[in-house]
Amino acid sequence: MDIFDTFLNAEVMRRTFPMLLQGLWITLQLGAASIVAGLVLGLGLAMARLYGPGPVRFVTRLYIDIFRSIPLLVLLIIVYYALPFVGLRLSPFASAMSALTLVSGAYTAEIFRAGIEAIPKGQFEASAALGLNGRQTMADVILPQAVRIVIPPLTNNSINVVKDTALASVVAMPDLLKQATQAQALAANPTPLIVAAVIYIAFLWPLVALVSRMERRFAARRR
């Protein structure tokens, strides 16, 4: 059998491509929603860990350590299959977004914390000398500088979130991978899986290249 007929069958590709596009749209929605929610959660956790009272800092650090340690797939299965036993039943999309956000928020918190701590203490002292209060100092002076520092790792974390959306297929989420596996089963041909992999690469490869370029640019500025 011709290898192209097996893995790159043009007829199978033509028939199943609409299914893959539907899955891609859901994957992009899930990825975007989880990234935005993770950024908001991560920034809040970072601020709580750095400037909250002692008990809040302890709980925040515990949260971050736990959700950086638990495998995302395990958390996703717990959210979708275990929570209904206590009366909380979420849709596949909500379950996947919740799990992705909880984990992404933990990693994002550490990224923001590192960025804020990288700002020289003189910036805080200068802001105080100008009469700025704590909120103004953070919003107008510290965070704008910290965000510029953490753009490369945040972008890299966003790439990981988009890749992790593929795990949502285990909770019947009709994302790109789920549609590809269903199309593969219907066509009895692996072509849809290969096409799905190419789609992932086509969307994420430019972002990976962008992260590398930004890292080189920031490294050059630090020199």
C-alpha atoms as a PDB file:
ATOM      1  CA  MET A   1       0.000   0.000   0.000  1.00  0.00           C
ATOM      2  CA  ASP A   2       1.283   3.480  -0.901  1.00  0.00           C
ATOM      3  CA  ILE A   3       2.364   5.388   2.195  1.00  0.00           C
ATOM      4  CA  PHE A   4       0.649   8.529   0.874  1.00  0.00           C
ATOM      5  CA  ASP A   5      -2.657   6.682   0.544  1.00  0.00           C
ATOM      6  CA  THR A   6      -2.260   5.626   4.157  1.00  0.00           C
ATOM      7  CA  PHE A   7      -1.145   8.822   5.863  1.00  0.00           C
ATOM      8  CA  LEU A   8      -1.976  11.603   3.376  1.00  0.00           C
ATOM      9  CA  ASN A   9      -5.013  10.340   1.539  1.00  0.00           C
ATOM     10  CA  ALA A  10      -6.371  13.265  -0.466  1.00  0.00           C
ATOM     11  CA  GLU A  11      -9.948  11.963  -0.573  1.00  0.00           C
ATOM     12  CA  VAL A  12     -10.047  11.314   3.175  1.00  0.00           C
ATOM     13  CA  MET A  13      -8.516  14.728   3.765  1.00  0.00           C
ATOM     14  CA  ARG A  14     -11.195  16.387   1.642  1.00  0.00           C
ATOM     15  CA  ARG A  15     -14.054  14.622   3.405  1.00  0.00           C
ATOM     16  CA  THR A  16     -12.819  15.148   6.957  1.00  0.00           C
ATOM     17  CA  PHE A  17     -11.301  18.619   6.758  1.00  0.00           C
ATOM     18  CA  PRO A  18     -14.565  20.417   7.710  1.00  0.00           C
ATOM     19  CA  MET A  19     -14.700  18.350  10.913  1.00  0.00           C
ATOM     20  CA  LEU A  20     -11.148  19.360  11.721  1.00  0.00           C
ATOM     21  CA  LEU A  21     -11.923  23.031  11.160  1.00  0.00           C
ATOM     22  CA  GLN A  22     -14.842  22.784  13.588  1.00  0.00           C
ATOM     23  CA  GLY A  23     -12.523  21.227  16.146  1.00  0.00           C
ATOM     24  CA  LEU A  24      -9.892  23.877  15.532  1.00  0.00           C
ATOM     25  CA  TRP A  25     -12.397  26.653  16.229  1.00  0.00           C
ATOM     26  CA  ILE A  26     -13.335  25.079  19.561  1.00  0.00           C
ATOM     27  CA  THR A  27      -9.651  24.551  20.407  1.00  0.00           C
ATOM     28  CA  LEU A  28      -8.915  28.227  19.749  1.00  0.00           C
ATOM     29  CA  GLN A  29     -11.898  29.325  21.853  1.00  0.00           C
ATOM     30  CA  LEU A  30     -10.860  27.077  24.728  1.00  0.00           C
ATOM     31  CA  GLY A  31      -7.237  28.154  24.498  1.00  0.00           C
ATOM     32  CA  ALA A  32      -8.021  31.883  24.375  1.00  0.00           C
ATOM     33  CA  ALA A  33     -10.499  31.738  27.266  1.00  0.00           C
ATOM     34  CA  SER A  34      -8.124  29.695  29.422  1.00  0.00           C
ATOM     35  CA  ILE A  35      -5.152  31.957  28.680  1.00  0.00           C
ATOM     36  CA  VAL A  36      -7.048  35.134  29.599  1.00  0.00           C
ATOM     37  CA  ALA A  37      -8.508  33.609  32.761  1.00  0.00           C
ATOM     38  CA  GLY A  38      -5.103  32.196  33.702  1.00  0.00           C
ATOM     39  CA  LEU A  39      -3.467  35.606  33.296  1.00  0.00           C
ATOM     40  CA  VAL A  40      -6.026  37.276  35.555  1.00  0.00           C
ATOM     41  CA  LEU A  41      -5.782  34.503  38.153  1.00  0.00           C
ATOM     42  CA  GLY A  42      -1.998  34.420  37.976  1.00  0.00           C
ATOM     43  CA  LEU A  43      -1.625  38.169  38.483  1.00  0.00           C
ATOM     44  CA  GLY A  44      -3.957  38.047  41.472  1.00  0.00           C
ATOM     45  CA  LEU A  45      -2.048  35.133  42.996  1.00  0.00           C
ATOM     46  CA  ALA A  46       1.296  36.863  42.422  1.00  0.00           C
ATOM     47  CA  MET A  47       0.114  40.021  44.170  1.00  0.00           C
ATOM     48  CA  ALA A  48      -1.321  37.997  47.055  1.00  0.00           C
ATOM     49  CA  ARG A  49       1.897  36.027  47.458  1.00  0.00           C
ATOM     50  CA  LEU A  50       4.093  39.118  47.393  1.00  0.00           C
ATOM     51  CA  TYR A  51       2.029  41.629  49.355  1.00  0.00           C
ATOM     52  CA  GLY A  52      -0.719  39.766  51.195  1.00  0.00           C
ATOM     53  CA  PRO A  53      -0.734  39.144  54.960  1.00  0.00           C
ATOM     54  CA  GLY A  54       1.075  36.081  56.262  1.00  0.00           C
ATOM     55  CA  PRO A  55      -1.838  33.605  56.118  1.00  0.00           C
ATOM     56  CA  VAL A  56      -2.767  34.742  52.610  1.00  0.00           C
ATOM     57  CA  ARG A  57       0.829  34.319  51.419  1.00  0.00           C
ATOM     58  CA  PHE A  58       0.929  30.833  52.905  1.00  0.00           C
ATOM     59  CA  VAL A  59      -2.337  29.746  51.264  1.00  0.00           C
ATOM     60  CA  THR A  60      -1.302  31.269  47.942  1.00  0.00           C
ATOM     61  CA  ARG A  61       2.071  29.520  48.000  1.00  0.00           C
ATOM     62  CA  LEU A  62       0.313  26.243  48.863  1.00  0.00           C
ATOM     63  CA  TYR A  63      -2.107  26.677  45.957  1.00  0.00           C
ATOM     64  CA  ILE A  64       0.699  27.418  43.513  1.00  0.00           C
ATOM     65  CA  ASP A  65       2.760  24.440  44.635  1.00  0.00           C
ATOM     66  CA  ILE A  66      -0.191  22.050  44.465  1.00  0.00           C
ATOM     67  CA  PHE A  67      -1.423  23.071  41.038  1.00  0.00           C
ATOM     68  CA  ARG A  68       2.073  23.103  39.589  1.00  0.00           C
ATOM     69  CA  SER A  69       2.497  19.540  40.860  1.00  0.00           C
ATOM     70  CA  ILE A  70      -0.770  17.889  39.838  1.00  0.00           C
ATOM     71  CA  PRO A  71      -0.910  16.493  36.286  1.00  0.00           C
ATOM     72  CA  LEU A  72      -3.387  18.430  34.186  1.00  0.00           C
ATOM     73  CA  LEU A  73      -5.053  15.253  32.933  1.00  0.00           C
ATOM     74  CA  VAL A  74      -5.703  14.095  36.502  1.00  0.00           C
ATOM     75  CA  LEU A  75      -7.206  17.464  37.424  1.00  0.00           C
ATOM     76  CA  LEU A  76      -9.367  17.476  34.297  1.00  0.00           C
ATOM     77  CA  ILE A  77     -10.761  14.045  35.088  1.00  0.00           C
ATOM     78  CA  ILE A  78     -11.454  15.067  38.696  1.00  0.00           C
ATOM     79  CA  VAL A  79     -13.297  18.227  37.606  1.00  0.00           C
ATOM     80  CA  TYR A  80     -15.416  16.439  34.992  1.00  0.00           C
ATOM     81  CA  TYR A  81     -16.042  13.038  36.595  1.00  0.00           C
ATOM     82  CA  ALA A  82     -15.700  13.584  40.359  1.00  0.00           C
ATOM     83  CA  LEU A  83     -17.422  16.922  40.996  1.00  0.00           C
ATOM     84  CA  PRO A  84     -20.859  15.614  39.872  1.00  0.00           C
ATOM     85  CA  PHE A  85     -20.813  13.394  42.973  1.00  0.00           C
ATOM     86  CA  VAL A  86     -21.101  16.546  45.095  1.00  0.00           C
ATOM     87  CA  GLY A  87     -23.736  18.110  42.849  1.00  0.00           C
ATOM     88  CA  LEU A  88     -21.463  20.210  40.651  1.00  0.00           C
ATOM     89  CA  ARG A  89     -21.800  19.163  37.028  1.00  0.00           C
ATOM     90  CA  LEU A  90     -19.860  21.178  34.452  1.00  0.00           C
ATOM     91  CA  SER A  91     -19.995  21.006  30.684  1.00  0.00           C
ATOM     92  CA  PRO A  92     -16.956  19.608  28.840  1.00  0.00           C
ATOM     93  CA  PHE A  93     -15.946  23.152  27.850  1.00  0.00           C
ATOM     94  CA  ALA A  94     -16.319  24.524  31.391  1.00  0.00           C
ATOM     95  CA  SER A  95     -14.481  21.525  32.845  1.00  0.00           C
ATOM     96  CA  ALA A  96     -11.578  21.869  30.446  1.00  0.00           C
ATOM     97  CA  MET A  97     -11.389  25.638  30.894  1.00  0.00           C
ATOM     98  CA  SER A  98     -11.483  25.312  34.696  1.00  0.00           C
ATOM     99  CA  ALA A  99      -8.678  22.767  34.786  1.00  0.00           C
ATOM    100  CA  LEU A 100      -6.529  24.697  32.307  1.00  0.00           C
ATOM    101  CA  THR A 101      -7.099  27.966  34.161  1.00  0.00           C
ATOM    102  CA  LEU A 102      -6.266  26.535  37.576  1.00  0.00           C
ATOM    103  CA  VAL A 103      -2.974  25.093  36.358  1.00  0.00           C
ATOM    104  CA  SER A 104      -2.081  27.976  34.058  1.00  0.00           C
ATOM    105  CA  GLY A 105      -2.810  30.464  36.838  1.00  0.00           C
ATOM    106  CA  ALA A 106      -0.307  28.754  39.121  1.00  0.00           C
ATOM    107  CA  TYR A 107       2.469  28.928  36.527  1.00  0.00           C
ATOM    108  CA  THR A 108       1.519  32.471  35.525  1.00  0.00           C
ATOM    109  CA  ALA A 109       1.674  33.581  39.159  1.00  0.00           C
ATOM    110  CA  GLU A 110       5.300  32.497  39.409  1.00  0.00           C
ATOM    111  CA  ILE A 111       6.119  34.241  36.140  1.00  0.00           C
ATOM    112  CA  PHE A 112       4.574  37.512  37.344  1.00  0.00           C
ATOM    113  CA  ARG A 113       6.247  37.175  40.738  1.00  0.00           C
ATOM    114  CA  ALA A 114       9.656  36.753  39.120  1.00  0.00           C
ATOM    115  CA  GLY A 115       9.026  39.771  36.891  1.00  0.00           C
ATOM    116  CA  ILE A 116       7.987  42.005  39.785  1.00  0.00           C
ATOM    117  CA  GLU A 117      10.917  40.902  41.926  1.00  0.00           C
ATOM    118  CA  ALA A 118      13.270  41.701  39.035  1.00  0.00           C
ATOM    119  CA  ILE A 119      12.394  45.402  39.260  1.00  0.00           C
ATOM    120  CA  PRO A 120      15.091  47.282  41.238  1.00  0.00           C
ATOM    121  CA  LYS A 121      14.016  48.400  44.715  1.00  0.00           C
ATOM    122  CA  GLY A 122      15.027  51.907  43.766  1.00  0.00           C
ATOM    123  CA  GLN A 123      11.905  52.081  41.605  1.00  0.00           C
ATOM    124  CA  PHE A 124       9.736  51.601  44.687  1.00  0.00           C
ATOM    125  CA  GLU A 125      11.736  54.189  46.641  1.00  0.00           C
ATOM    126  CA  ALA A 126      11.539  56.711  43.803  1.00  0.00           C
ATOM    127  CA  SER A 127       7.771  56.218  43.533  1.00  0.00           C
ATOM    128  CA  ALA A 128       7.372  56.790  47.268  1.00  0.00           C
ATOM    129  CA  ALA A 129       9.476  59.941  47.031  1.00  0.00           C
ATOM    130  CA  LEU A 130       7.123  61.220  44.323  1.00  0.00           C
ATOM    131  CA  GLY A 131       4.164  60.715  46.639  1.00  0.00           C
ATOM    132  CA  LEU A 132       2.645  57.713  44.863  1.00  0.00           C
ATOM    133  CA  ASN A 133       0.711  55.281  47.018  1.00  0.00           C
ATOM    134  CA  GLY A 134       1.130  51.522  46.792  1.00  0.00           C
ATOM    135  CA  ARG A 135      -1.603  51.008  44.198  1.00  0.00           C
ATOM    136  CA  GLN A 136      -0.317  53.808  41.979  1.00  0.00           C
ATOM    137  CA  THR A 137       3.253  52.553  42.277  1.00  0.00           C
ATOM    138  CA  MET A 138       2.258  49.056  41.236  1.00  0.00           C
ATOM    139  CA  ALA A 139      -0.125  50.063  38.433  1.00  0.00           C
ATOM    140  CA  ASP A 140       1.864  52.944  36.922  1.00  0.00           C
ATOM    141  CA  VAL A 141       5.501  52.063  37.609  1.00  0.00           C
ATOM    142  CA  ILE A 142       6.162  48.439  38.537  1.00  0.00           C
ATOM    143  CA  LEU A 143       3.690  46.395  36.500  1.00  0.00           C
ATOM    144  CA  PRO A 144       4.404  48.057  33.125  1.00  0.00           C
ATOM    145  CA  GLN A 145       8.093  47.225  33.544  1.00  0.00           C
ATOM    146  CA  ALA A 146       7.414  43.736  34.886  1.00  0.00           C
ATOM    147  CA  VAL A 147       5.090  42.913  31.997  1.00  0.00           C
ATOM    148  CA  ARG A 148       7.797  43.735  29.477  1.00  0.00           C
ATOM    149  CA  ILE A 149      10.149  41.384  31.305  1.00  0.00           C
ATOM    150  CA  VAL A 150       7.707  38.475  31.452  1.00  0.00           C
ATOM    151  CA  ILE A 151       6.319  38.658  27.915  1.00  0.00           C
ATOM    152  CA  PRO A 152       8.536  35.798  26.605  1.00  0.00           C
ATOM    153  CA  PRO A 153       7.737  33.329  29.434  1.00  0.00           C
ATOM    154  CA  LEU A 154       4.065  34.318  29.363  1.00  0.00           C
ATOM    155  CA  THR A 155       3.929  33.666  25.629  1.00  0.00           C
ATOM    156  CA  ASN A 156       5.627  30.322  26.139  1.00  0.00           C
ATOM    157  CA  ASN A 157       3.111  29.445  28.842  1.00  0.00           C
ATOM    158  CA  SER A 158       0.270  30.406  26.492  1.00  0.00           C
ATOM    159  CA  ILE A 159       1.671  28.023  23.876  1.00  0.00           C
ATOM    160  CA  ASN A 160       1.645  25.247  26.466  1.00  0.00           C
ATOM    161  CA  VAL A 161      -1.982  26.043  27.326  1.00  0.00           C
ATOM    162  CA  VAL A 162      -3.015  25.731  23.683  1.00  0.00           C
ATOM    163  CA  LYS A 163      -1.181  22.414  23.385  1.00  0.00           C
ATOM    164  CA  ASP A 164      -2.771  21.171  26.602  1.00  0.00           C
ATOM    165  CA  THR A 165      -6.240  21.788  25.173  1.00  0.00           C
ATOM    166  CA  ALA A 166      -5.758  18.475  23.357  1.00  0.00           C
ATOM    167  CA  LEU A 167      -6.310  16.741  26.711  1.00  0.00           C
ATOM    168  CA  ALA A 168      -9.903  18.009  26.694  1.00  0.00           C
ATOM    169  CA  SER A 169     -10.761  15.210  24.276  1.00  0.00           C
ATOM    170  CA  VAL A 170     -10.886  12.798  27.232  1.00  0.00           C
ATOM    171  CA  VAL A 171     -14.055  14.551  28.501  1.00  0.00           C
ATOM    172  CA  ALA A 172     -15.830  14.399  25.136  1.00  0.00           C
ATOM    173  CA  MET A 173     -14.830  17.928  24.221  1.00  0.00           C
ATOM    174  CA  PRO A 174     -15.137  18.187  20.417  1.00  0.00           C
ATOM    175  CA  ASP A 175     -11.792  19.916  20.015  1.00  0.00           C
ATOM    176  CA  LEU A 176      -9.328  19.416  17.185  1.00  0.00           C
ATOM    177  CA  LEU A 177      -7.900  16.152  18.523  1.00  0.00           C
ATOM    178  CA  LYS A 178     -11.336  14.699  19.310  1.00  0.00           C
ATOM    179  CA  GLN A 179     -12.627  15.538  15.846  1.00  0.00           C
ATOM    180  CA  ALA A 180      -9.484  14.058  14.312  1.00  0.00           C
ATOM    181  CA  THR A 181      -9.873  10.769  16.184  1.00  0.00           C
ATOM    182  CA  GLN A 182     -13.542  10.563  15.243  1.00  0.00           C
ATOM    183  CA  ALA A 183     -12.737  11.327  11.605  1.00  0.00           C
ATOM    184  CA  GLN A 184      -9.997   8.711  11.673  1.00  0.00           C
ATOM    185  CA  ALA A 185     -12.452   6.122  12.982  1.00  0.00           C
ATOM    186  CA  LEU A 186     -15.098   6.997  10.394  1.00  0.00           C
ATOM    187  CA  ALA A 187     -12.630   6.951   7.504  1.00  0.00           C
ATOM    188  CA  ALA A 188     -10.627   3.976   8.797  1.00  0.00           C
ATOM    189  CA  ASN A 189      -7.559   5.964   7.813  1.00  0.00           C
ATOM    190  CA  PRO A 190      -4.985   7.902   9.913  1.00  0.00           C
ATOM    191  CA  THR A 191      -4.904  10.898   7.559  1.00  0.00           C
ATOM    192  CA  PRO A 192      -7.081  13.108   9.837  1.00  0.00           C
ATOM    193  CA  LEU A 193      -4.629  12.598  12.697  1.00  0.00           C
ATOM    194  CA  ILE A 194      -1.720  13.674  10.502  1.00  0.00           C
ATOM    195  CA  VAL A 195      -3.647  16.721   9.288  1.00  0.00           C
ATOM    196  CA  ALA A 196      -4.510  17.657  12.885  1.00  0.00           C
ATOM    197  CA  ALA A 197      -0.830  17.480  13.815  1.00  0.00           C
ATOM    198  CA  VAL A 198       0.043  19.727  10.868  1.00  0.00           C
ATOM    199  CA  ILE A 199      -2.636  22.228  11.954  1.00  0.00           C
ATOM    200  CA  TYR A 200      -1.214  22.351  15.491  1.00  0.00           C
ATOM    201  CA  ILE A 201       2.275  22.950  14.077  1.00  0.00           C
ATOM    202  CA  ALA A 202       1.048  25.607  11.661  1.00  0.00           C
ATOM    203  CA  PHE A 203      -0.538  27.601  14.484  1.00  0.00           C
ATOM    204  CA  LEU A 204       2.093  27.113  17.179  1.00  0.00           C
ATOM    205  CA  TRP A 205       5.366  27.131  15.250  1.00  0.00           C
ATOM    206  CA  PRO A 206       5.191  30.898  14.533  1.00  0.00           C
ATOM    207  CA  LEU A 207       4.548  31.536  18.235  1.00  0.00           C
ATOM    208  CA  VAL A 208       7.522  29.372  19.210  1.00  0.00           C
ATOM    209  CA  ALA A 209       9.691  31.336  16.781  1.00  0.00           C
ATOM    210  CA  LEU A 210       8.320  34.590  18.212  1.00  0.00           C
ATOM    211  CA  VAL A 211       9.259  33.547  21.757  1.00  0.00           C
ATOM    212  CA  SER A 212      12.801  32.703  20.649  1.00  0.00           C
ATOM    213  CA  ARG A 213      13.110  36.067  18.928  1.00  0.00           C
ATOM    214  CA  MET A 214      11.835  37.956  21.972  1.00  0.00           C
ATOM    215  CA  GLU A 215      14.194  36.070  24.283  1.00  0.00           C
ATOM    216  CA  ARG A 216      17.157  36.995  22.083  1.00  0.00           C
ATOM    217  CA  ARG A 217      16.032  40.625  21.980  1.00  0.00           C
ATOM    218  CA  PHE A 218      15.653  40.868  25.757  1.00  0.00           C
ATOM    219  CA  ALA A 219      19.008  39.136  26.258  1.00  0.00           C
ATOM    220  CA  ALA A 220      20.654  41.679  23.950  1.00  0.00           C
ATOM    221  CA  ARG A 221      19.114  44.581  25.885  1.00  0.00           C
ATOM    222  CA  ARG A 222      20.356  43.190  29.208  1.00  0.00           C
ATOM    223  CA  ARG A 223      23.907  43.158  27.839  1.00  0.00           C
END
